[in-house]
Amino acid sequence: HPASFDAVLQAADEALYRAKADGKLCYRIA
């Protein structure tokens, strides 16, 4: 991901949203 705090944090946040949508108690990699 682009070398910026917001870009990496946003990518992790989007992956977290997918983990929540997939039933929680899991992880997803952006």
Full PDB file with SEQRES, HELIX, SHEET, SSBOND, CRYST1, ORIGX, SCALE, CONECT and MASTER records, all heavy atoms in Angstrom:
SEQRES   1 A   30  HIS PRO ALA SER PHE ASP ALA VAL LEU GLN ALA ALA ASP          
SEQRES   2 A   30  GLU ALA LEU TYR ARG ALA LYS ALA ASP GLY LYS LEU CYS          
SEQRES   3 A   30  TYR ARG ILE ALA                                              
HELIX    1 AA1 PHE A    5  ALA A   21  1                                  17    
CRYST1    1.000    1.000    1.000  90.00  90.00  90.00 P 1           1          
ORIGX1      1.000000  0.000000  0.000000        0.00000                         
ORIGX2      0.000000  1.000000  0.000000        0.00000                         
ORIGX3      0.000000  0.000000  1.000000        0.00000                         
SCALE1      1.000000  0.000000  0.000000        0.00000                         
SCALE2      0.000000  1.000000  0.000000        0.00000                         
SCALE3      0.000000  0.000000  1.000000        0.00000                         
ATOM      1  N   HIS A   1       0.838  -1.191   0.000  1.00  0.00           N  
ATOM      2  CA  HIS A   1       0.000   0.000   0.000  1.00  0.00           C  
ATOM      3  C   HIS A   1       0.878   1.247   0.000  1.00  0.00           C  
ATOM      4  O   HIS A   1       2.054   1.190   0.376  1.00  0.00           O  
ATOM      5  CB  HIS A   1      -0.925  -0.005   1.224  1.00  0.00           C  
ATOM      6  CG  HIS A   1      -1.832  -1.195   1.265  1.00  0.00           C  
ATOM      7  ND1 HIS A   1      -3.025  -1.235   0.571  1.00  0.00           N  
ATOM      8  CD2 HIS A   1      -1.698  -2.407   1.867  1.00  0.00           C  
ATOM      9  CE1 HIS A   1      -3.605  -2.413   0.770  1.00  0.00           C  
ATOM     10  NE2 HIS A   1      -2.815  -3.142   1.545  1.00  0.00           N  
ATOM     11  N   PRO A   2       0.332   2.364  -0.427  1.00  0.00           N  
ATOM     12  CA  PRO A   2       1.124   3.600  -0.461  1.00  0.00           C  
ATOM     13  C   PRO A   2       1.708   3.922   0.906  1.00  0.00           C  
ATOM     14  O   PRO A   2       1.104   3.634   1.942  1.00  0.00           O  
ATOM     15  CB  PRO A   2       0.104   4.663  -0.885  1.00  0.00           C  
ATOM     16  CG  PRO A   2      -0.953   3.892  -1.606  1.00  0.00           C  
ATOM     17  CD  PRO A   2      -1.031   2.560  -0.937  1.00  0.00           C  
ATOM     18  N   ALA A   3       2.882   4.516   0.888  1.00  0.00           N  
ATOM     19  CA  ALA A   3       3.615   4.784   2.130  1.00  0.00           C  
ATOM     20  C   ALA A   3       3.033   5.971   2.871  1.00  0.00           C  
ATOM     21  O   ALA A   3       3.606   7.055   2.903  1.00  0.00           O  
ATOM     22  CB  ALA A   3       5.099   5.012   1.826  1.00  0.00           C  
ATOM     23  N   SER A   4       1.839   5.766   3.467  1.00  0.00           N  
ATOM     24  CA  SER A   4       1.245   6.801   4.298  1.00  0.00           C  
ATOM     25  C   SER A   4       0.452   6.133   5.404  1.00  0.00           C  
ATOM     26  O   SER A   4      -0.070   5.019   5.232  1.00  0.00           O  
ATOM     27  CB  SER A   4       0.340   7.726   3.482  1.00  0.00           C  
ATOM     28  OG  SER A   4      -0.868   7.084   3.137  1.00  0.00           O  
ATOM     29  N   PHE A   5       0.380   6.796   6.534  1.00  0.00           N  
ATOM     30  CA  PHE A   5      -0.333   6.259   7.684  1.00  0.00           C  
ATOM     31  C   PHE A   5      -1.794   5.984   7.334  1.00  0.00           C  
ATOM     32  O   PHE A   5      -2.322   4.902   7.591  1.00  0.00           O  
ATOM     33  CB  PHE A   5      -0.227   7.258   8.841  1.00  0.00           C  
ATOM     34  CG  PHE A   5      -1.046   6.883  10.044  1.00  0.00           C  
ATOM     35  CD1 PHE A   5      -0.583   5.958  10.950  1.00  0.00           C  
ATOM     36  CD2 PHE A   5      -2.290   7.471  10.264  1.00  0.00           C  
ATOM     37  CE1 PHE A   5      -1.329   5.611  12.072  1.00  0.00           C  
ATOM     38  CE2 PHE A   5      -3.050   7.122  11.371  1.00  0.00           C  
ATOM     39  CZ  PHE A   5      -2.564   6.196  12.284  1.00  0.00           C  
ATOM     40  N   ASP A   6      -2.449   6.955   6.727  1.00  0.00           N  
ATOM     41  CA  ASP A   6      -3.880   6.823   6.435  1.00  0.00           C  
ATOM     42  C   ASP A   6      -4.163   5.693   5.452  1.00  0.00           C  
ATOM     43  O   ASP A   6      -5.160   4.975   5.582  1.00  0.00           O  
ATOM     44  CB  ASP A   6      -4.424   8.147   5.889  1.00  0.00           C  
ATOM     45  CG  ASP A   6      -4.474   9.234   6.949  1.00  0.00           C  
ATOM     46  OD1 ASP A   6      -4.571   8.886   8.139  1.00  0.00           O  
ATOM     47  OD2 ASP A   6      -4.393  10.425   6.589  1.00  0.00           O  
ATOM     48  N   ALA A   7      -3.272   5.538   4.453  1.00  0.00           N  
ATOM     49  CA  ALA A   7      -3.515   4.512   3.448  1.00  0.00           C  
ATOM     50  C   ALA A   7      -3.439   3.110   4.044  1.00  0.00           C  
ATOM     51  O   ALA A   7      -4.301   2.252   3.783  1.00  0.00           O  
ATOM     52  CB  ALA A   7      -2.505   4.654   2.309  1.00  0.00           C  
ATOM     53  N   VAL A   8      -2.424   2.857   4.865  1.00  0.00           N  
ATOM     54  CA  VAL A   8      -2.273   1.529   5.464  1.00  0.00           C  
ATOM     55  C   VAL A   8      -3.384   1.278   6.478  1.00  0.00           C  
ATOM     56  O   VAL A   8      -3.971   0.186   6.530  1.00  0.00           O  
ATOM     57  CB  VAL A   8      -0.888   1.398   6.133  1.00  0.00           C  
ATOM     58  CG1 VAL A   8      -0.746   0.028   6.807  1.00  0.00           C  
ATOM     59  CG2 VAL A   8       0.214   1.572   5.097  1.00  0.00           C  
ATOM     60  N   LEU A   9      -3.709   2.297   7.281  1.00  0.00           N  
ATOM     61  CA  LEU A   9      -4.768   2.131   8.278  1.00  0.00           C  
ATOM     62  C   LEU A   9      -6.123   1.908   7.598  1.00  0.00           C  
ATOM     63  O   LEU A   9      -6.928   1.088   8.047  1.00  0.00           O  
ATOM     64  CB  LEU A   9      -4.819   3.360   9.181  1.00  0.00           C  
ATOM     65  CG  LEU A   9      -5.686   3.242  10.441  1.00  0.00           C  
ATOM     66  CD1 LEU A   9      -5.135   2.158  11.367  1.00  0.00           C  
ATOM     67  CD2 LEU A   9      -5.743   4.572  11.176  1.00  0.00           C  
ATOM     68  N   GLN A  10      -6.378   2.613   6.507  1.00  0.00           N  
ATOM     69  CA  GLN A  10      -7.643   2.436   5.781  1.00  0.00           C  
ATOM     70  C   GLN A  10      -7.735   1.036   5.191  1.00  0.00           C  
ATOM     71  O   GLN A  10      -8.800   0.408   5.218  1.00  0.00           O  
ATOM     72  CB  GLN A  10      -7.768   3.485   4.682  1.00  0.00           C  
ATOM     73  CG  GLN A  10      -9.084   3.383   3.903  1.00  0.00           C  
ATOM     74  CD  GLN A  10      -9.208   4.446   2.817  1.00  0.00           C  
ATOM     75  OE1 GLN A  10      -8.393   5.351   2.736  1.00  0.00           O  
ATOM     76  NE2 GLN A  10     -10.237   4.328   1.993  1.00  0.00           N  
ATOM     77  N   ALA A  11      -6.616   0.543   4.651  1.00  0.00           N  
ATOM     78  CA  ALA A  11      -6.630  -0.811   4.087  1.00  0.00           C  
ATOM     79  C   ALA A  11      -6.917  -1.846   5.170  1.00  0.00           C  
ATOM     80  O   ALA A  11      -7.699  -2.788   4.969  1.00  0.00           O  
ATOM     81  CB  ALA A  11      -5.274  -1.097   3.430  1.00  0.00           C  
ATOM     82  N   ALA A  12      -6.306  -1.673   6.349  1.00  0.00           N  
ATOM     83  CA  ALA A  12      -6.564  -2.596   7.454  1.00  0.00           C  
ATOM     84  C   ALA A  12      -8.009  -2.466   7.927  1.00  0.00           C  
ATOM     85  O   ALA A  12      -8.646  -3.474   8.290  1.00  0.00           O  
ATOM     86  CB  ALA A  12      -5.596  -2.311   8.595  1.00  0.00           C  
ATOM     87  N   ASP A  13      -8.536  -1.247   7.930  1.00  0.00           N  
ATOM     88  CA  ASP A  13      -9.925  -1.024   8.343  1.00  0.00           C  
ATOM     89  C   ASP A  13     -10.895  -1.722   7.387  1.00  0.00           C  
ATOM     90  O   ASP A  13     -11.889  -2.327   7.812  1.00  0.00           O  
ATOM     91  CB  ASP A  13     -10.199   0.480   8.393  1.00  0.00           C  
ATOM     92  CG  ASP A  13     -11.590   0.795   8.928  1.00  0.00           C  
ATOM     93  OD1 ASP A  13     -12.041   0.094   9.848  1.00  0.00           O  
ATOM     94  OD2 ASP A  13     -12.230   1.728   8.407  1.00  0.00           O  
ATOM     95  N   GLU A  14     -10.618  -1.660   6.091  1.00  0.00           N  
ATOM     96  CA  GLU A  14     -11.466  -2.344   5.113  1.00  0.00           C  
ATOM     97  C   GLU A  14     -11.406  -3.859   5.296  1.00  0.00           C  
ATOM     98  O   GLU A  14     -12.422  -4.555   5.178  1.00  0.00           O  
ATOM     99  CB  GLU A  14     -11.039  -1.945   3.698  1.00  0.00           C  
ATOM    100  CG  GLU A  14     -11.330  -0.475   3.378  1.00  0.00           C  
ATOM    101  CD  GLU A  14     -10.747  -0.045   2.045  1.00  0.00           C  
ATOM    102  OE1 GLU A  14     -10.047  -0.876   1.418  1.00  0.00           O  
ATOM    103  OE2 GLU A  14     -10.991   1.105   1.626  1.00  0.00           O  
ATOM    104  N   ALA A  15     -10.211  -4.356   5.607  1.00  0.00           N  
ATOM    105  CA  ALA A  15     -10.082  -5.791   5.867  1.00  0.00           C  
ATOM    106  C   ALA A  15     -10.838  -6.177   7.140  1.00  0.00           C  
ATOM    107  O   ALA A  15     -11.453  -7.252   7.219  1.00  0.00           O  
ATOM    108  CB  ALA A  15      -8.611  -6.173   5.990  1.00  0.00           C  
ATOM    109  N   LEU A  16     -10.807  -5.289   8.150  1.00  0.00           N  
ATOM    110  CA  LEU A  16     -11.551  -5.535   9.380  1.00  0.00           C  
ATOM    111  C   LEU A  16     -13.056  -5.579   9.098  1.00  0.00           C  
ATOM    112  O   LEU A  16     -13.780  -6.432   9.650  1.00  0.00           O  
ATOM    113  CB  LEU A  16     -11.230  -4.432  10.401  1.00  0.00           C  
ATOM    114  CG  LEU A  16     -12.048  -4.431  11.695  1.00  0.00           C  
ATOM    115  CD1 LEU A  16     -11.810  -5.708  12.484  1.00  0.00           C  
ATOM    116  CD2 LEU A  16     -11.681  -3.206  12.547  1.00  0.00           C  
ATOM    117  N   TYR A  17     -13.538  -4.707   8.247  1.00  0.00           N  
ATOM    118  CA  TYR A  17     -14.957  -4.690   7.874  1.00  0.00           C  
ATOM    119  C   TYR A  17     -15.358  -6.024   7.244  1.00  0.00           C  
ATOM    120  O   TYR A  17     -16.439  -6.566   7.529  1.00  0.00           O  
ATOM    121  CB  TYR A  17     -15.231  -3.537   6.919  1.00  0.00           C  
ATOM    122  CG  TYR A  17     -16.668  -3.422   6.478  1.00  0.00           C  
ATOM    123  CD1 TYR A  17     -17.621  -2.794   7.291  1.00  0.00           C  
ATOM    124  CD2 TYR A  17     -17.081  -3.951   5.254  1.00  0.00           C  
ATOM    125  CE1 TYR A  17     -18.945  -2.703   6.899  1.00  0.00           C  
ATOM    126  CE2 TYR A  17     -18.404  -3.857   4.854  1.00  0.00           C  
ATOM    127  CZ  TYR A  17     -19.337  -3.234   5.665  1.00  0.00           C  
ATOM    128  OH  TYR A  17     -20.650  -3.150   5.279  1.00  0.00           O  
ATOM    129  N   ARG A  18     -14.474  -6.564   6.402  1.00  0.00           N  
ATOM    130  CA  ARG A  18     -14.754  -7.873   5.781  1.00  0.00           C  
ATOM    131  C   ARG A  18     -14.797  -8.964   6.826  1.00  0.00           C  
ATOM    132  O   ARG A  18     -15.625  -9.884   6.768  1.00  0.00           O  
ATOM    133  CB  ARG A  18     -13.700  -8.183   4.721  1.00  0.00           C  
ATOM    134  CG  ARG A  18     -13.917  -7.378   3.434  1.00  0.00           C  
ATOM    135  CD  ARG A  18     -12.821  -7.590   2.397  1.00  0.00           C  
ATOM    136  NE  ARG A  18     -12.172  -8.875   2.507  1.00  0.00           N  
ATOM    137  CZ  ARG A  18     -10.851  -9.051   2.454  1.00  0.00           C  
ATOM    138  NH1 ARG A  18     -10.052  -7.989   2.335  1.00  0.00           N  
ATOM    139  NH2 ARG A  18     -10.336 -10.251   2.532  1.00  0.00           N  
ATOM    140  N   ALA A  19     -13.892  -8.896   7.812  1.00  0.00           N  
ATOM    141  CA  ALA A  19     -13.887  -9.907   8.872  1.00  0.00           C  
ATOM    142  C   ALA A  19     -15.176  -9.839   9.683  1.00  0.00           C  
ATOM    143  O   ALA A  19     -15.750 -10.881  10.051  1.00  0.00           O  
ATOM    144  CB  ALA A  19     -12.680  -9.685   9.786  1.00  0.00           C  
ATOM    145  N   LYS A  20     -15.670  -8.633   9.934  1.00  0.00           N  
ATOM    146  CA  LYS A  20     -16.932  -8.482  10.654  1.00  0.00           C  
ATOM    147  C   LYS A  20     -18.088  -9.055   9.823  1.00  0.00           C  
ATOM    148  O   LYS A  20     -18.980  -9.738  10.351  1.00  0.00           O  
ATOM    149  CB  LYS A  20     -17.189  -6.995  10.933  1.00  0.00           C  
ATOM    150  CG  LYS A  20     -16.245  -6.355  11.933  1.00  0.00           C  
ATOM    151  CD  LYS A  20     -16.681  -6.630  13.353  1.00  0.00           C  
ATOM    152  CE  LYS A  20     -15.917  -5.794  14.343  1.00  0.00           C  
ATOM    153  NZ  LYS A  20     -16.331  -6.071  15.745  1.00  0.00           N  
ATOM    154  N   ALA A  21     -18.058  -8.763   8.529  1.00  0.00           N  
ATOM    155  CA  ALA A  21     -19.134  -9.229   7.646  1.00  0.00           C  
ATOM    156  C   ALA A  21     -19.115 -10.741   7.489  1.00  0.00           C  
ATOM    157  O   ALA A  21     -20.159 -11.362   7.219  1.00  0.00           O  
ATOM    158  CB  ALA A  21     -19.002  -8.553   6.286  1.00  0.00           C  
ATOM    159  N   ASP A  22     -17.954 -11.341   7.649  1.00  0.00           N  
ATOM    160  CA  ASP A  22     -17.826 -12.794   7.484  1.00  0.00           C  
ATOM    161  C   ASP A  22     -18.110 -13.558   8.775  1.00  0.00           C  
ATOM    162  O   ASP A  22     -17.763 -14.742   8.879  1.00  0.00           O  
ATOM    163  CB  ASP A  22     -16.419 -13.141   6.979  1.00  0.00           C  
ATOM    164  CG  ASP A  22     -16.213 -12.710   5.532  1.00  0.00           C  
ATOM    165  OD1 ASP A  22     -17.216 -12.431   4.857  1.00  0.00           O  
ATOM    166  OD2 ASP A  22     -15.043 -12.630   5.089  1.00  0.00           O  
ATOM    167  N   GLY A  23     -18.667 -12.918   9.756  1.00  0.00           N  
ATOM    168  CA  GLY A  23     -19.083 -13.622  10.959  1.00  0.00           C  
ATOM    169  C   GLY A  23     -18.314 -13.295  12.217  1.00  0.00           C  
ATOM    170  O   GLY A  23     -18.536 -13.904  13.256  1.00  0.00           O  
ATOM    171  N   LYS A  24     -17.370 -12.361  12.146  1.00  0.00           N  
ATOM    172  CA  LYS A  24     -16.562 -11.944  13.303  1.00  0.00           C  
ATOM    173  C   LYS A  24     -15.659 -13.080  13.784  1.00  0.00           C  
ATOM    174  O   LYS A  24     -15.640 -14.164  13.213  1.00  0.00           O  
ATOM    175  CB  LYS A  24     -17.448 -11.424  14.447  1.00  0.00           C  
ATOM    176  CG  LYS A  24     -18.382 -10.292  14.043  1.00  0.00           C  
ATOM    177  CD  LYS A  24     -19.226  -9.824  15.220  1.00  0.00           C  
ATOM    178  CE  LYS A  24     -20.157  -8.694  14.796  1.00  0.00           C  
ATOM    179  NZ  LYS A  24     -21.001  -8.201  15.915  1.00  0.00           N  
ATOM    180  N   LEU A  25     -14.874 -12.803  14.846  1.00  0.00           N  
ATOM    181  CA  LEU A  25     -13.939 -13.776  15.430  1.00  0.00           C  
ATOM    182  C   LEU A  25     -13.020 -14.380  14.375  1.00  0.00           C  
ATOM    183  O   LEU A  25     -12.709 -15.581  14.406  1.00  0.00           O  
ATOM    184  CB  LEU A  25     -14.717 -14.889  16.156  1.00  0.00           C  
ATOM    185  CG  LEU A  25     -15.586 -14.446  17.334  1.00  0.00           C  
ATOM    186  CD1 LEU A  25     -16.349 -15.628  17.907  1.00  0.00           C  
ATOM    187  CD2 LEU A  25     -14.750 -13.783  18.417  1.00  0.00           C  
ATOM    188  N   CYS A  26     -12.602 -13.564  13.430  1.00  0.00           N  
ATOM    189  CA  CYS A  26     -11.699 -14.040  12.388  1.00  0.00           C  
ATOM    190  C   CYS A  26     -10.832 -12.875  11.926  1.00  0.00           C  
ATOM    191  O   CYS A  26     -10.987 -11.752  12.383  1.00  0.00           O  
ATOM    192  CB  CYS A  26     -12.471 -14.632  11.214  1.00  0.00           C  
ATOM    193  SG  CYS A  26     -13.551 -13.444  10.364  1.00  0.00           S  
ATOM    194  N   TYR A  27      -9.918 -13.157  11.019  1.00  0.00           N  
ATOM    195  CA  TYR A  27      -9.067 -12.097  10.463  1.00  0.00           C  
ATOM    196  C   TYR A  27      -9.140 -12.129   8.948  1.00  0.00           C  
ATOM    197  O   TYR A  27      -9.423 -13.161   8.346  1.00  0.00           O  
ATOM    198  CB  TYR A  27      -7.621 -12.249  10.949  1.00  0.00           C  
ATOM    199  CG  TYR A  27      -6.855 -13.392  10.286  1.00  0.00           C  
ATOM    200  CD1 TYR A  27      -6.159 -13.196   9.083  1.00  0.00           C  
ATOM    201  CD2 TYR A  27      -6.836 -14.653  10.866  1.00  0.00           C  
ATOM    202  CE1 TYR A  27      -5.478 -14.244   8.481  1.00  0.00           C  
ATOM    203  CE2 TYR A  27      -6.169 -15.707  10.274  1.00  0.00           C  
ATOM    204  CZ  TYR A  27      -5.477 -15.498   9.081  1.00  0.00           C  
ATOM    205  OH  TYR A  27      -4.801 -16.524   8.477  1.00  0.00           O  
ATOM    206  N   ARG A  28      -8.877 -11.015   8.339  1.00  0.00           N  
ATOM    207  CA  ARG A  28      -8.772 -10.916   6.892  1.00  0.00           C  
ATOM    208  C   ARG A  28      -7.593 -10.017   6.554  1.00  0.00           C  
ATOM    209  O   ARG A  28      -7.311  -9.036   7.256  1.00  0.00           O  
ATOM    210  CB  ARG A  28     -10.058 -10.338   6.282  1.00  0.00           C  
ATOM    211  CG  ARG A  28     -11.284 -11.225   6.449  1.00  0.00           C  
ATOM    212  CD  ARG A  28     -11.141 -12.499   5.626  1.00  0.00           C  
ATOM    213  NE  ARG A  28     -12.326 -13.349   5.738  1.00  0.00           N  
ATOM    214  CZ  ARG A  28     -12.430 -14.366   6.599  1.00  0.00           C  
ATOM    215  NH1 ARG A  28     -11.416 -14.637   7.423  1.00  0.00           N  
ATOM    216  NH2 ARG A  28     -13.514 -15.094   6.649  1.00  0.00           N  
ATOM    217  N   ILE A  29      -6.894 -10.355   5.481  1.00  0.00           N  
ATOM    218  CA  ILE A  29      -5.741  -9.570   5.035  1.00  0.00           C  
ATOM    219  C   ILE A  29      -6.150  -8.750   3.817  1.00  0.00           C  
ATOM    220  O   ILE A  29      -6.751  -9.280   2.867  1.00  0.00           O  
ATOM    221  CB  ILE A  29      -4.544 -10.476   4.685  1.00  0.00           C  
ATOM    222  CG1 ILE A  29      -4.123 -11.281   5.930  1.00  0.00           C  
ATOM    223  CG2 ILE A  29      -3.374  -9.656   4.163  1.00  0.00           C  
ATOM    224  CD1 ILE A  29      -2.974 -12.244   5.679  1.00  0.00           C  
ATOM    225  N   ALA A  30      -5.853  -7.473   3.840  1.00  0.00           N  
ATOM    226  CA  ALA A  30      -6.237  -6.585   2.748  1.00  0.00           C  
ATOM    227  C   ALA A  30      -5.530  -6.964   1.457  1.00  0.00           C  
ATOM    228  O   ALA A  30      -4.356  -7.366   1.453  1.00  0.00           O  
ATOM    229  CB  ALA A  30      -5.889  -5.132   3.112  1.00  0.00           C  
TER     230      ALA A  30                                                      
MASTER        0    0    0    1    0    0    0    6  229    1    0    3          
END                                                                             
